[in-house]
Every structure is written in C-alpha cells, then in structure tokens.
Amino acid sequence: MKTQRGLSMFGILLVCIGLVLVAIGGLKVVPVYIEYFNVKKAVSGIVQGGEARGTVADVRRAFDKRAQVDDIQIISGADLEITKEGGEVVVSFAYPKKVPLFGNLSLYFDFAGSSSGN
C-alpha cells in the first residue's frame, strides 16, 4: 500500500493564511518606505541643487516647494534641522510613523536621515 504525500487541506489553509498576512503587512509597509525615500531625495536634492546656500528660511521654503510637488505630508520645512559641518550645509530630518496593521496590532518606525549621506 502506498502512502500519500503532500499537504493536507488544513496545511494548505495555514500556508494561505500566512501568505495573506505577509501580503497585508507588505502592502501597508511599502508606502511608508516610499515616503521616507521621497523625503530623503528632496533633502539631498536641496543640497545638491545649490538651494542650501541661502538662509535657513530659504532652505525650509525650498523643501516645502519640493514637498508640495512630491506630495510629502509627513514633515514640513519647519521640521528640518539645518546645520553647517566643515563649511558644508547639512540638512537632517527625523520623524516617527505608526502603521496600523489590523485590530490593535501596529508597526512603529523611527525614520531619520540627512543630506550628508549618513
């Protein structure tokens, strides 16, 4: 008599539930990272484009313009930290983001970046 091989119906159901949970998590986390990379790109673009040579208010205004074009709503120019290191302007940012998954389960991210490449 041959023995059966493979997954049972219960096993297939568990695998499908696991895949759905991972997909839901991915669909909620990917936009958060896209938004972070848009903020980082805007900050780097300000410094590389020469817009950081003006006053602090000019840098904040330049970020607000880029944020409006790129639809960045998580931070504004007022949230930026603008310093000078070694004669070079460094624009930094940091912000938290809470992503609700389902029920009372959420993911919490702490994003930070700067134009210095760190």
PDB file of N, CA and C in Angstrom:
ATOM      1  N   MET A   1       0.830  -1.171   0.000  1.00  0.00           N
ATOM      2  CA  MET A   1       0.000   0.000   0.000  1.00  0.00           C
ATOM      3  C   MET A   1       0.887   1.252   0.000  1.00  0.00           C
ATOM      4  N   LYS A   2       0.598   2.200  -0.877  1.00  0.00           N
ATOM      5  CA  LYS A   2       1.379   3.420  -0.990  1.00  0.00           C
ATOM      6  C   LYS A   2       0.856   4.457   0.012  1.00  0.00           C
ATOM      7  N   THR A   3       1.808   5.238   0.555  1.00  0.00           N
ATOM      8  CA  THR A   3       1.402   6.311   1.473  1.00  0.00           C
ATOM      9  C   THR A   3       1.210   7.600   0.679  1.00  0.00           C
ATOM     10  N   GLN A   4       0.318   8.399   1.154  1.00  0.00           N
ATOM     11  CA  GLN A   4       0.059   9.663   0.479  1.00  0.00           C
ATOM     12  C   GLN A   4       1.139  10.678   0.833  1.00  0.00           C
ATOM     13  N   ARG A   5       1.413  11.554  -0.090  1.00  0.00           N
ATOM     14  CA  ARG A   5       2.398  12.605   0.124  1.00  0.00           C
ATOM     15  C   ARG A   5       1.753  13.955  -0.189  1.00  0.00           C
ATOM     16  N   GLY A   6       2.300  15.008   0.427  1.00  0.00           N
ATOM     17  CA  GLY A   6       1.801  16.349   0.139  1.00  0.00           C
ATOM     18  C   GLY A   6       1.137  16.976   1.344  1.00  0.00           C
ATOM     19  N   LEU A   7       0.576  18.131   1.114  1.00  0.00           N
ATOM     20  CA  LEU A   7      -0.079  18.883   2.174  1.00  0.00           C
ATOM     21  C   LEU A   7      -1.553  18.487   2.287  1.00  0.00           C
ATOM     22  N   SER A   8      -2.020  18.512   3.490  1.00  0.00           N
ATOM     23  CA  SER A   8      -3.452  18.279   3.691  1.00  0.00           C
ATOM     24  C   SER A   8      -4.203  19.590   3.451  1.00  0.00           C
ATOM     25  N   MET A   9      -5.482  19.535   3.435  1.00  0.00           N
ATOM     26  CA  MET A   9      -6.285  20.742   3.244  1.00  0.00           C
ATOM     27  C   MET A   9      -6.018  21.746   4.360  1.00  0.00           C
ATOM     28  N   PHE A  10      -5.860  21.260   5.583  1.00  0.00           N
ATOM     29  CA  PHE A  10      -5.557  22.130   6.724  1.00  0.00           C
ATOM     30  C   PHE A  10      -4.181  22.784   6.539  1.00  0.00           C
ATOM     31  N   GLY A  11      -3.224  22.061   6.050  1.00  0.00           N
ATOM     32  CA  GLY A  11      -1.889  22.603   5.801  1.00  0.00           C
ATOM     33  C   GLY A  11      -1.904  23.686   4.734  1.00  0.00           C
ATOM     34  N   ILE A  12      -2.652  23.450   3.669  1.00  0.00           N
ATOM     35  CA  ILE A  12      -2.772  24.449   2.606  1.00  0.00           C
ATOM     36  C   ILE A  12      -3.445  25.707   3.133  1.00  0.00           C
ATOM     37  N   LEU A  13      -4.450  25.540   3.975  1.00  0.00           N
ATOM     38  CA  LEU A  13      -5.156  26.676   4.566  1.00  0.00           C
ATOM     39  C   LEU A  13      -4.209  27.506   5.431  1.00  0.00           C
ATOM     40  N   LEU A  14      -3.377  26.863   6.240  1.00  0.00           N
ATOM     41  CA  LEU A  14      -2.419  27.583   7.081  1.00  0.00           C
ATOM     42  C   LEU A  14      -1.396  28.334   6.231  1.00  0.00           C
ATOM     43  N   VAL A  15      -0.906  27.724   5.177  1.00  0.00           N
ATOM     44  CA  VAL A  15       0.053  28.384   4.296  1.00  0.00           C
ATOM     45  C   VAL A  15      -0.592  29.600   3.635  1.00  0.00           C
ATOM     46  N   CYS A  16      -1.827  29.475   3.182  1.00  0.00           N
ATOM     47  CA  CYS A  16      -2.536  30.595   2.557  1.00  0.00           C
ATOM     48  C   CYS A  16      -2.763  31.734   3.537  1.00  0.00           C
ATOM     49  N   ILE A  17      -3.134  31.418   4.760  1.00  0.00           N
ATOM     50  CA  ILE A  17      -3.333  32.458   5.785  1.00  0.00           C
ATOM     51  C   ILE A  17      -2.020  33.181   6.050  1.00  0.00           C
ATOM     52  N   GLY A  18      -0.933  32.455   6.136  1.00  0.00           N
ATOM     53  CA  GLY A  18       0.385  33.066   6.338  1.00  0.00           C
ATOM     54  C   GLY A  18       0.766  33.989   5.197  1.00  0.00           C
ATOM     55  N   LEU A  19       0.510  33.555   3.968  1.00  0.00           N
ATOM     56  CA  LEU A  19       0.824  34.395   2.805  1.00  0.00           C
ATOM     57  C   LEU A  19      -0.021  35.661   2.775  1.00  0.00           C
ATOM     58  N   VAL A  20      -1.281  35.545   3.144  1.00  0.00           N
ATOM     59  CA  VAL A  20      -2.162  36.716   3.175  1.00  0.00           C
ATOM     60  C   VAL A  20      -1.686  37.715   4.232  1.00  0.00           C
ATOM     61  N   LEU A  21      -1.303  37.241   5.399  1.00  0.00           N
ATOM     62  CA  LEU A  21      -0.809  38.137   6.456  1.00  0.00           C
ATOM     63  C   LEU A  21       0.469  38.849   6.018  1.00  0.00           C
ATOM     64  N   VAL A  22       1.370  38.140   5.383  1.00  0.00           N
ATOM     65  CA  VAL A  22       2.601  38.763   4.886  1.00  0.00           C
ATOM     66  C   VAL A  22       2.278  39.785   3.801  1.00  0.00           C
ATOM     67  N   ALA A  23       1.340  39.488   2.919  1.00  0.00           N
ATOM     68  CA  ALA A  23       0.952  40.413   1.856  1.00  0.00           C
ATOM     69  C   ALA A  23       0.318  41.678   2.434  1.00  0.00           C
ATOM     70  N   ILE A  24      -0.543  41.519   3.432  1.00  0.00           N
ATOM     71  CA  ILE A  24      -1.170  42.684   4.064  1.00  0.00           C
ATOM     72  C   ILE A  24      -0.105  43.564   4.709  1.00  0.00           C
ATOM     73  N   GLY A  25       0.817  42.947   5.418  1.00  0.00           N
ATOM     74  CA  GLY A  25       1.914  43.709   6.032  1.00  0.00           C
ATOM     75  C   GLY A  25       2.740  44.437   4.995  1.00  0.00           C
ATOM     76  N   GLY A  26       3.069  43.751   3.916  1.00  0.00           N
ATOM     77  CA  GLY A  26       3.858  44.377   2.858  1.00  0.00           C
ATOM     78  C   GLY A  26       3.145  45.535   2.199  1.00  0.00           C
ATOM     79  N   LEU A  27       1.853  45.389   1.962  1.00  0.00           N
ATOM     80  CA  LEU A  27       1.091  46.463   1.326  1.00  0.00           C
ATOM     81  C   LEU A  27       0.958  47.695   2.218  1.00  0.00           C
ATOM     82  N   LYS A  28       1.085  47.510   3.511  1.00  0.00           N
ATOM     83  CA  LYS A  28       0.999  48.649   4.424  1.00  0.00           C
ATOM     84  C   LYS A  28       2.365  49.258   4.714  1.00  0.00           C
ATOM     85  N   VAL A  29       3.432  48.480   4.602  1.00  0.00           N
ATOM     86  CA  VAL A  29       4.772  48.963   4.932  1.00  0.00           C
ATOM     87  C   VAL A  29       5.456  49.618   3.731  1.00  0.00           C
ATOM     88  N   VAL A  30       5.244  49.123   2.543  1.00  0.00           N
ATOM     89  CA  VAL A  30       5.927  49.647   1.358  1.00  0.00           C
ATOM     90  C   VAL A  30       5.658  51.142   1.148  1.00  0.00           C
ATOM     91  N   PRO A  31       4.434  51.653   1.274  1.00  0.00           N
ATOM     92  CA  PRO A  31       4.224  53.099   1.096  1.00  0.00           C
ATOM     93  C   PRO A  31       4.974  53.954   2.122  1.00  0.00           C
ATOM     94  N   VAL A  32       5.154  53.431   3.328  1.00  0.00           N
ATOM     95  CA  VAL A  32       5.885  54.168   4.362  1.00  0.00           C
ATOM     96  C   VAL A  32       7.342  54.351   3.933  1.00  0.00           C
ATOM     97  N   TYR A  33       7.944  53.308   3.394  1.00  0.00           N
ATOM     98  CA  TYR A  33       9.327  53.406   2.935  1.00  0.00           C
ATOM     99  C   TYR A  33       9.442  54.262   1.675  1.00  0.00           C
ATOM    100  N   ILE A  34       8.466  54.213   0.809  1.00  0.00           N
ATOM    101  CA  ILE A  34       8.478  55.077  -0.377  1.00  0.00           C
ATOM    102  C   ILE A  34       8.451  56.544   0.050  1.00  0.00           C
ATOM    103  N   GLU A  35       7.619  56.844   1.052  1.00  0.00           N
ATOM    104  CA  GLU A  35       7.536  58.208   1.564  1.00  0.00           C
ATOM    105  C   GLU A  35       8.870  58.646   2.172  1.00  0.00           C
ATOM    106  N   TYR A  36       9.528  57.756   2.923  1.00  0.00           N
ATOM    107  CA  TYR A  36      10.832  58.058   3.511  1.00  0.00           C
ATOM    108  C   TYR A  36      11.859  58.366   2.424  1.00  0.00           C
ATOM    109  N   PHE A  37      11.900  57.551   1.379  1.00  0.00           N
ATOM    110  CA  PHE A  37      12.865  57.777   0.307  1.00  0.00           C
ATOM    111  C   PHE A  37      12.557  59.052  -0.474  1.00  0.00           C
ATOM    112  N   ASN A  38      11.290  59.442  -0.567  1.00  0.00           N
ATOM    113  CA  ASN A  38      10.940  60.723  -1.185  1.00  0.00           C
ATOM    114  C   ASN A  38      11.446  61.894  -0.355  1.00  0.00           C
ATOM    115  N   VAL A  39      11.319  61.804   0.967  1.00  0.00           N
ATOM    116  CA  VAL A  39      11.831  62.853   1.853  1.00  0.00           C
ATOM    117  C   VAL A  39      13.346  62.941   1.714  1.00  0.00           C
ATOM    118  N   LYS A  40      14.003  61.789   1.740  1.00  0.00           N
ATOM    119  CA  LYS A  40      15.469  61.757   1.625  1.00  0.00           C
ATOM    120  C   LYS A  40      15.919  62.337   0.279  1.00  0.00           C
ATOM    121  N   LYS A  41      15.202  62.021  -0.791  1.00  0.00           N
ATOM    122  CA  LYS A  41      15.533  62.542  -2.116  1.00  0.00           C
ATOM    123  C   LYS A  41      15.359  64.062  -2.162  1.00  0.00           C
ATOM    124  N   ALA A  42      14.299  64.568  -1.535  1.00  0.00           N
ATOM    125  CA  ALA A  42      14.055  66.012  -1.521  1.00  0.00           C
ATOM    126  C   ALA A  42      15.149  66.738  -0.748  1.00  0.00           C
ATOM    127  N   VAL A  43      15.547  66.189   0.389  1.00  0.00           N
ATOM    128  CA  VAL A  43      16.604  66.815   1.199  1.00  0.00           C
ATOM    129  C   VAL A  43      17.924  66.799   0.442  1.00  0.00           C
ATOM    130  N   SER A  44      18.263  65.679  -0.165  1.00  0.00           N
ATOM    131  CA  SER A  44      19.510  65.598  -0.933  1.00  0.00           C
ATOM    132  C   SER A  44      19.470  66.526  -2.143  1.00  0.00           C
ATOM    133  N   GLY A  45      18.318  66.618  -2.778  1.00  0.00           N
ATOM    134  CA  GLY A  45      18.172  67.494  -3.934  1.00  0.00           C
ATOM    135  C   GLY A  45      18.364  68.958  -3.603  1.00  0.00           C
ATOM    136  N   ILE A  46      17.938  69.359  -2.422  1.00  0.00           N
ATOM    137  CA  ILE A  46      18.116  70.752  -1.995  1.00  0.00           C
ATOM    138  C   ILE A  46      19.599  71.080  -1.873  1.00  0.00           C
ATOM    139  N   VAL A  47      20.353  70.183  -1.254  1.00  0.00           N
ATOM    140  CA  VAL A  47      21.780  70.428  -1.048  1.00  0.00           C
ATOM    141  C   VAL A  47      22.535  70.330  -2.374  1.00  0.00           C
ATOM    142  N   GLN A  48      22.249  69.308  -3.154  1.00  0.00           N
ATOM    143  CA  GLN A  48      22.961  69.128  -4.421  1.00  0.00           C
ATOM    144  C   GLN A  48      22.583  70.176  -5.455  1.00  0.00           C
ATOM    145  N   GLY A  49      21.369  70.673  -5.383  1.00  0.00           N
ATOM    146  CA  GLY A  49      20.908  71.683  -6.333  1.00  0.00           C
ATOM    147  C   GLY A  49      21.366  73.092  -5.996  1.00  0.00           C
ATOM    148  N   GLY A  50      22.053  73.264  -4.881  1.00  0.00           N
ATOM    149  CA  GLY A  50      22.549  74.577  -4.503  1.00  0.00           C
ATOM    150  C   GLY A  50      21.542  75.447  -3.782  1.00  0.00           C
ATOM    151  N   GLU A  51      20.376  74.911  -3.482  1.00  0.00           N
ATOM    152  CA  GLU A  51      19.349  75.704  -2.794  1.00  0.00           C
ATOM    153  C   GLU A  51      19.665  75.877  -1.312  1.00  0.00           C
ATOM    154  N   ALA A  52      20.659  75.155  -0.805  1.00  0.00           N
ATOM    155  CA  ALA A  52      21.012  75.233   0.613  1.00  0.00           C
ATOM    156  C   ALA A  52      22.021  76.336   0.887  1.00  0.00           C
ATOM    157  N   ARG A  53      22.381  77.107  -0.117  1.00  0.00           N
ATOM    158  CA  ARG A  53      23.373  78.171   0.069  1.00  0.00           C
ATOM    159  C   ARG A  53      22.761  79.424   0.682  1.00  0.00           C
ATOM    160  N   GLY A  54      21.454  79.514   0.691  1.00  0.00           N
ATOM    161  CA  GLY A  54      20.785  80.691   1.228  1.00  0.00           C
ATOM    162  C   GLY A  54      20.650  80.609   2.745  1.00  0.00           C
ATOM    163  N   THR A  55      19.671  81.317   3.252  1.00  0.00           N
ATOM    164  CA  THR A  55      19.413  81.315   4.683  1.00  0.00           C
ATOM    165  C   THR A  55      18.661  80.041   5.074  1.00  0.00           C
ATOM    166  N   VAL A  56      18.506  79.856   6.367  1.00  0.00           N
ATOM    167  CA  VAL A  56      17.754  78.709   6.877  1.00  0.00           C
ATOM    168  C   VAL A  56      16.316  78.764   6.372  1.00  0.00           C
ATOM    169  N   ALA A  57      15.742  79.950   6.344  1.00  0.00           N
ATOM    170  CA  ALA A  57      14.372  80.114   5.850  1.00  0.00           C
ATOM    171  C   ALA A  57      14.281  79.735   4.371  1.00  0.00           C
ATOM    172  N   ASP A  58      15.318  80.055   3.596  1.00  0.00           N
ATOM    173  CA  ASP A  58      15.328  79.678   2.172  1.00  0.00           C
ATOM    174  C   ASP A  58      15.361  78.164   2.003  1.00  0.00           C
ATOM    175  N   VAL A  59      16.127  77.480   2.833  1.00  0.00           N
ATOM    176  CA  VAL A  59      16.212  76.020   2.765  1.00  0.00           C
ATOM    177  C   VAL A  59      14.870  75.405   3.123  1.00  0.00           C
ATOM    178  N   ARG A  60      14.242  75.914   4.170  1.00  0.00           N
ATOM    179  CA  ARG A  60      12.927  75.399   4.574  1.00  0.00           C
ATOM    180  C   ARG A  60      11.884  75.630   3.469  1.00  0.00           C
ATOM    181  N   ARG A  61      11.925  76.813   2.859  1.00  0.00           N
ATOM    182  CA  ARG A  61      10.998  77.136   1.775  1.00  0.00           C
ATOM    183  C   ARG A  61      11.240  76.221   0.566  1.00  0.00           C
ATOM    184  N   ALA A  62      12.507  75.952   0.262  1.00  0.00           N
ATOM    185  CA  ALA A  62      12.845  75.061  -0.864  1.00  0.00           C
ATOM    186  C   ALA A  62      12.324  73.650  -0.598  1.00  0.00           C
ATOM    187  N   PHE A  63      12.443  73.193   0.659  1.00  0.00           N
ATOM    188  CA  PHE A  63      11.909  71.868   0.983  1.00  0.00           C
ATOM    189  C   PHE A  63      10.393  71.847   0.844  1.00  0.00           C
ATOM    190  N   ASP A  64       9.735  72.899   1.320  1.00  0.00           N
ATOM    191  CA  ASP A  64       8.270  72.947   1.221  1.00  0.00           C
ATOM    192  C   ASP A  64       7.801  72.905  -0.230  1.00  0.00           C
ATOM    193  N   LYS A  65       8.555  73.554  -1.119  1.00  0.00           N
ATOM    194  CA  LYS A  65       8.202  73.518  -2.540  1.00  0.00           C
ATOM    195  C   LYS A  65       8.360  72.096  -3.094  1.00  0.00           C
ATOM    196  N   ARG A  66       9.468  71.453  -2.760  1.00  0.00           N
ATOM    197  CA  ARG A  66       9.691  70.076  -3.221  1.00  0.00           C
ATOM    198  C   ARG A  66       8.665  69.122  -2.605  1.00  0.00           C
ATOM    199  N   ALA A  67       8.314  69.365  -1.349  1.00  0.00           N
ATOM    200  CA  ALA A  67       7.330  68.510  -0.675  1.00  0.00           C
ATOM    201  C   ALA A  67       5.964  68.637  -1.336  1.00  0.00           C
ATOM    202  N   GLN A  68       5.641  69.826  -1.796  1.00  0.00           N
ATOM    203  CA  GLN A  68       4.357  70.022  -2.467  1.00  0.00           C
ATOM    204  C   GLN A  68       4.334  69.267  -3.796  1.00  0.00           C
ATOM    205  N   VAL A  69       5.427  69.292  -4.521  1.00  0.00           N
ATOM    206  CA  VAL A  69       5.493  68.603  -5.812  1.00  0.00           C
ATOM    207  C   VAL A  69       5.481  67.087  -5.614  1.00  0.00           C
ATOM    208  N   ASP A  70       6.255  66.597  -4.629  1.00  0.00           N
ATOM    209  CA  ASP A  70       6.373  65.154  -4.390  1.00  0.00           C
ATOM    210  C   ASP A  70       5.291  64.607  -3.469  1.00  0.00           C
ATOM    211  N   ASP A  71       4.345  65.445  -3.032  1.00  0.00           N
ATOM    212  CA  ASP A  71       3.254  65.048  -2.146  1.00  0.00           C
ATOM    213  C   ASP A  71       3.766  64.453  -0.835  1.00  0.00           C
ATOM    214  N   ILE A  72       4.723  65.155  -0.213  1.00  0.00           N
ATOM    215  CA  ILE A  72       5.257  64.757   1.086  1.00  0.00           C
ATOM    216  C   ILE A  72       4.463  65.498   2.149  1.00  0.00           C
ATOM    217  N   GLN A  73       3.762  64.747   2.997  1.00  0.00           N
ATOM    218  CA  GLN A  73       2.932  65.373   4.012  1.00  0.00           C
ATOM    219  C   GLN A  73       3.367  65.021   5.430  1.00  0.00           C
ATOM    220  N   ILE A  74       4.308  64.107   5.575  1.00  0.00           N
ATOM    221  CA  ILE A  74       4.692  63.630   6.905  1.00  0.00           C
ATOM    222  C   ILE A  74       5.517  64.666   7.672  1.00  0.00           C
ATOM    223  N   ILE A  75       6.335  65.448   6.964  1.00  0.00           N
ATOM    224  CA  ILE A  75       7.092  66.525   7.603  1.00  0.00           C
ATOM    225  C   ILE A  75       7.030  67.758   6.716  1.00  0.00           C
ATOM    226  N   SER A  76       7.417  68.892   7.300  1.00  0.00           N
ATOM    227  CA  SER A  76       7.460  70.140   6.537  1.00  0.00           C
ATOM    228  C   SER A  76       8.847  70.756   6.711  1.00  0.00           C
ATOM    229  N   GLY A  77       9.051  71.879   6.082  1.00  0.00           N
ATOM    230  CA  GLY A  77      10.336  72.560   6.193  1.00  0.00           C
ATOM    231  C   GLY A  77      10.655  72.971   7.615  1.00  0.00           C
ATOM    232  N   ALA A  78       9.643  73.226   8.418  1.00  0.00           N
ATOM    233  CA  ALA A  78       9.853  73.621   9.813  1.00  0.00           C
ATOM    234  C   ALA A  78      10.427  72.477  10.652  1.00  0.00           C
ATOM    235  N   ASP A  79      10.269  71.230  10.195  1.00  0.00           N
ATOM    236  CA  ASP A  79      10.756  70.069  10.937  1.00  0.00           C
ATOM    237  C   ASP A  79      12.209  69.729  10.624  1.00  0.00           C
ATOM    238  N   LEU A  80      12.811  70.412   9.671  1.00  0.00           N
ATOM    239  CA  LEU A  80      14.181  70.119   9.276  1.00  0.00           C
ATOM    240  C   LEU A  80      15.173  70.729  10.263  1.00  0.00           C
ATOM    241  N   GLU A  81      16.295  70.049  10.445  1.00  0.00           N
ATOM    242  CA  GLU A  81      17.399  70.583  11.242  1.00  0.00           C
ATOM    243  C   GLU A  81      18.510  70.934  10.269  1.00  0.00           C
ATOM    244  N   ILE A  82      18.888  72.199  10.243  1.00  0.00           N
ATOM    245  CA  ILE A  82      19.863  72.678   9.278  1.00  0.00           C
ATOM    246  C   ILE A  82      21.106  73.129  10.036  1.00  0.00           C
ATOM    247  N   THR A  83      22.238  72.486   9.734  1.00  0.00           N
ATOM    248  CA  THR A  83      23.497  72.802  10.396  1.00  0.00           C
ATOM    249  C   THR A  83      24.587  72.976   9.342  1.00  0.00           C
ATOM    250  N   LYS A  84      25.739  73.417   9.808  1.00  0.00           N
ATOM    251  CA  LYS A  84      26.887  73.564   8.926  1.00  0.00           C
ATOM    252  C   LYS A  84      28.021  72.736   9.519  1.00  0.00           C
ATOM    253  N   GLU A  85      28.539  71.800   8.741  1.00  0.00           N
ATOM    254  CA  GLU A  85      29.632  70.944   9.196  1.00  0.00           C
ATOM    255  C   GLU A  85      30.760  71.022   8.181  1.00  0.00           C
ATOM    256  N   GLY A  86      31.899  71.526   8.620  1.00  0.00           N
ATOM    257  CA  GLY A  86      33.048  71.619   7.732  1.00  0.00           C
ATOM    258  C   GLY A  86      32.816  72.525   6.541  1.00  0.00           C
ATOM    259  N   GLY A  87      32.088  73.604   6.729  1.00  0.00           N
ATOM    260  CA  GLY A  87      31.813  74.523   5.641  1.00  0.00           C
ATOM    261  C   GLY A  87      30.714  74.068   4.693  1.00  0.00           C
ATOM    262  N   GLU A  88      30.095  72.943   4.985  1.00  0.00           N
ATOM    263  CA  GLU A  88      29.044  72.398   4.131  1.00  0.00           C
ATOM    264  C   GLU A  88      27.724  72.372   4.895  1.00  0.00           C
ATOM    265  N   VAL A  89      26.653  72.766   4.226  1.00  0.00           N
ATOM    266  CA  VAL A  89      25.331  72.768   4.846  1.00  0.00           C
ATOM    267  C   VAL A  89      24.815  71.329   4.890  1.00  0.00           C
ATOM    268  N   VAL A  90      24.338  70.916   6.078  1.00  0.00           N
ATOM    269  CA  VAL A  90      23.774  69.579   6.257  1.00  0.00           C
ATOM    270  C   VAL A  90      22.327  69.742   6.711  1.00  0.00           C
ATOM    271  N   VAL A  91      21.434  69.140   5.952  1.00  0.00           N
ATOM    272  CA  VAL A  91      20.005  69.188   6.273  1.00  0.00           C
ATOM    273  C   VAL A  91      19.609  67.808   6.791  1.00  0.00           C
ATOM    274  N   SER A  92      19.082  67.759   8.019  1.00  0.00           N
ATOM    275  CA  SER A  92      18.701  66.497   8.650  1.00  0.00           C
ATOM    276  C   SER A  92      17.212  66.491   8.970  1.00  0.00           C
ATOM    277  N   PHE A  93      16.668  65.287   9.086  1.00  0.00           N
ATOM    278  CA  PHE A  93      15.267  65.137   9.465  1.00  0.00           C
ATOM    279  C   PHE A  93      15.105  63.858  10.275  1.00  0.00           C
ATOM    280  N   ALA A  94      14.079  63.831  11.068  1.00  0.00           N
ATOM    281  CA  ALA A  94      13.719  62.636  11.841  1.00  0.00           C
ATOM    282  C   ALA A  94      12.232  62.716  12.145  1.00  0.00           C
ATOM    283  N   TYR A  95      11.566  61.570  12.019  1.00  0.00           N
ATOM    284  CA  TYR A  95      10.140  61.528  12.325  1.00  0.00           C
ATOM    285  C   TYR A  95       9.716  60.092  12.608  1.00  0.00           C
ATOM    286  N   PRO A  96       8.691  59.924  13.451  1.00  0.00           N
ATOM    287  CA  PRO A  96       8.142  58.587  13.698  1.00  0.00           C
ATOM    288  C   PRO A  96       6.938  58.337  12.787  1.00  0.00           C
ATOM    289  N   LYS A  97       6.652  57.084  12.548  1.00  0.00           N
ATOM    290  CA  LYS A  97       5.472  56.710  11.751  1.00  0.00           C
ATOM    291  C   LYS A  97       4.880  55.444  12.343  1.00  0.00           C
ATOM    292  N   LYS A  98       3.587  55.483  12.649  1.00  0.00           N
ATOM    293  CA  LYS A  98       2.869  54.332  13.176  1.00  0.00           C
ATOM    294  C   LYS A  98       1.942  53.806  12.097  1.00  0.00           C
ATOM    295  N   VAL A  99       2.079  52.516  11.795  1.00  0.00           N
ATOM    296  CA  VAL A  99       1.283  51.897  10.734  1.00  0.00           C
ATOM    297  C   VAL A  99       0.374  50.844  11.359  1.00  0.00           C
ATOM    298  N   PRO A 100      -0.935  51.082  11.406  1.00  0.00           N
ATOM    299  CA  PRO A 100      -1.844  50.067  11.941  1.00  0.00           C
ATOM    300  C   PRO A 100      -1.973  48.898  10.959  1.00  0.00           C
ATOM    301  N   LEU A 101      -1.802  47.684  11.457  1.00  0.00           N
ATOM    302  CA  LEU A 101      -1.942  46.500  10.607  1.00  0.00           C
ATOM    303  C   LEU A 101      -3.378  46.004  10.623  1.00  0.00           C
ATOM    304  N   PHE A 102      -3.808  45.506  11.764  1.00  0.00           N
ATOM    305  CA  PHE A 102      -5.196  45.086  11.930  1.00  0.00           C
ATOM    306  C   PHE A 102      -5.466  44.956  13.418  1.00  0.00           C
ATOM    307  N   GLY A 103      -6.702  45.218  13.797  1.00  0.00           N
ATOM    308  CA  GLY A 103      -7.053  45.168  15.212  1.00  0.00           C
ATOM    309  C   GLY A 103      -6.225  46.171  15.997  1.00  0.00           C
ATOM    310  N   ASN A 104      -5.643  45.716  17.090  1.00  0.00           N
ATOM    311  CA  ASN A 104      -4.803  46.603  17.891  1.00  0.00           C
ATOM    312  C   ASN A 104      -3.313  46.359  17.649  1.00  0.00           C
ATOM    313  N   LEU A 105      -2.973  45.763  16.520  1.00  0.00           N
ATOM    314  CA  LEU A 105      -1.591  45.478  16.155  1.00  0.00           C
ATOM    315  C   LEU A 105      -1.084  46.541  15.184  1.00  0.00           C
ATOM    316  N   SER A 106       0.020  47.199  15.555  1.00  0.00           N
ATOM    317  CA  SER A 106       0.602  48.254  14.724  1.00  0.00           C
ATOM    318  C   SER A 106       2.109  48.071  14.641  1.00  0.00           C
ATOM    319  N   LEU A 107       2.681  48.664  13.612  1.00  0.00           N
ATOM    320  CA  LEU A 107       4.132  48.732  13.472  1.00  0.00           C
ATOM    321  C   LEU A 107       4.547  50.175  13.699  1.00  0.00           C
ATOM    322  N   TYR A 108       5.686  50.376  14.356  1.00  0.00           N
ATOM    323  CA  TYR A 108       6.182  51.709  14.651  1.00  0.00           C
ATOM    324  C   TYR A 108       7.561  51.860  14.025  1.00  0.00           C
ATOM    325  N   PHE A 109       7.739  52.904  13.221  1.00  0.00           N
ATOM    326  CA  PHE A 109       9.010  53.156  12.564  1.00  0.00           C
ATOM    327  C   PHE A 109       9.571  54.483  13.042  1.00  0.00           C
ATOM    328  N   ASP A 110      10.873  54.548  13.232  1.00  0.00           N
ATOM    329  CA  ASP A 110      11.586  55.785  13.534  1.00  0.00           C
ATOM    330  C   ASP A 110      12.517  56.069  12.368  1.00  0.00           C
ATOM    331  N   PHE A 111      12.174  57.040  11.538  1.00  0.00           N
ATOM    332  CA  PHE A 111      12.984  57.370  10.376  1.00  0.00           C
ATOM    333  C   PHE A 111      13.850  58.569  10.670  1.00  0.00           C
ATOM    334  N   ALA A 112      15.069  58.558  10.158  1.00  0.00           N
ATOM    335  CA  ALA A 112      15.994  59.689  10.277  1.00  0.00           C
ATOM    336  C   ALA A 112      16.926  59.654   9.086  1.00  0.00           C
ATOM    337  N   GLY A 113      17.340  60.810   8.654  1.00  0.00           N
ATOM    338  CA  GLY A 113      18.263  60.894   7.533  1.00  0.00           C
ATOM    339  C   GLY A 113      18.840  62.287   7.432  1.00  0.00           C
ATOM    340  N   SER A 114      19.842  62.414   6.596  1.00  0.00           N
ATOM    341  CA  SER A 114      20.458  63.723   6.386  1.00  0.00           C
ATOM    342  C   SER A 114      21.050  63.798   4.991  1.00  0.00           C
ATOM    343  N   SER A 115      21.421  64.978   4.611  1.00  0.00           N
ATOM    344  CA  SER A 115      21.992  65.174   3.289  1.00  0.00           C
ATOM    345  C   SER A 115      23.476  64.825   3.251  1.00  0.00           C
ATOM    346  N   SER A 116      24.061  64.535   4.412  1.00  0.00           N
ATOM    347  CA  SER A 116      25.496  64.225   4.453  1.00  0.00           C
ATOM    348  C   SER A 116      25.785  62.797   4.045  1.00  0.00           C
ATOM    349  N   GLY A 117      24.768  61.977   3.828  1.00  0.00           N
ATOM    350  CA  GLY A 117      24.974  60.598   3.406  1.00  0.00           C
ATOM    351  C   GLY A 117      25.004  59.617   4.551  1.00  0.00           C
ATOM    352  N   ASN A 118      24.874  60.056   5.781  1.00  0.00           N
ATOM    353  CA  ASN A 118      24.877  59.159   6.952  1.00  0.00           C
ATOM    354  C   ASN A 118      23.523  58.589   7.212  1.00  0.00           C
TER     355      ASN A 118
END
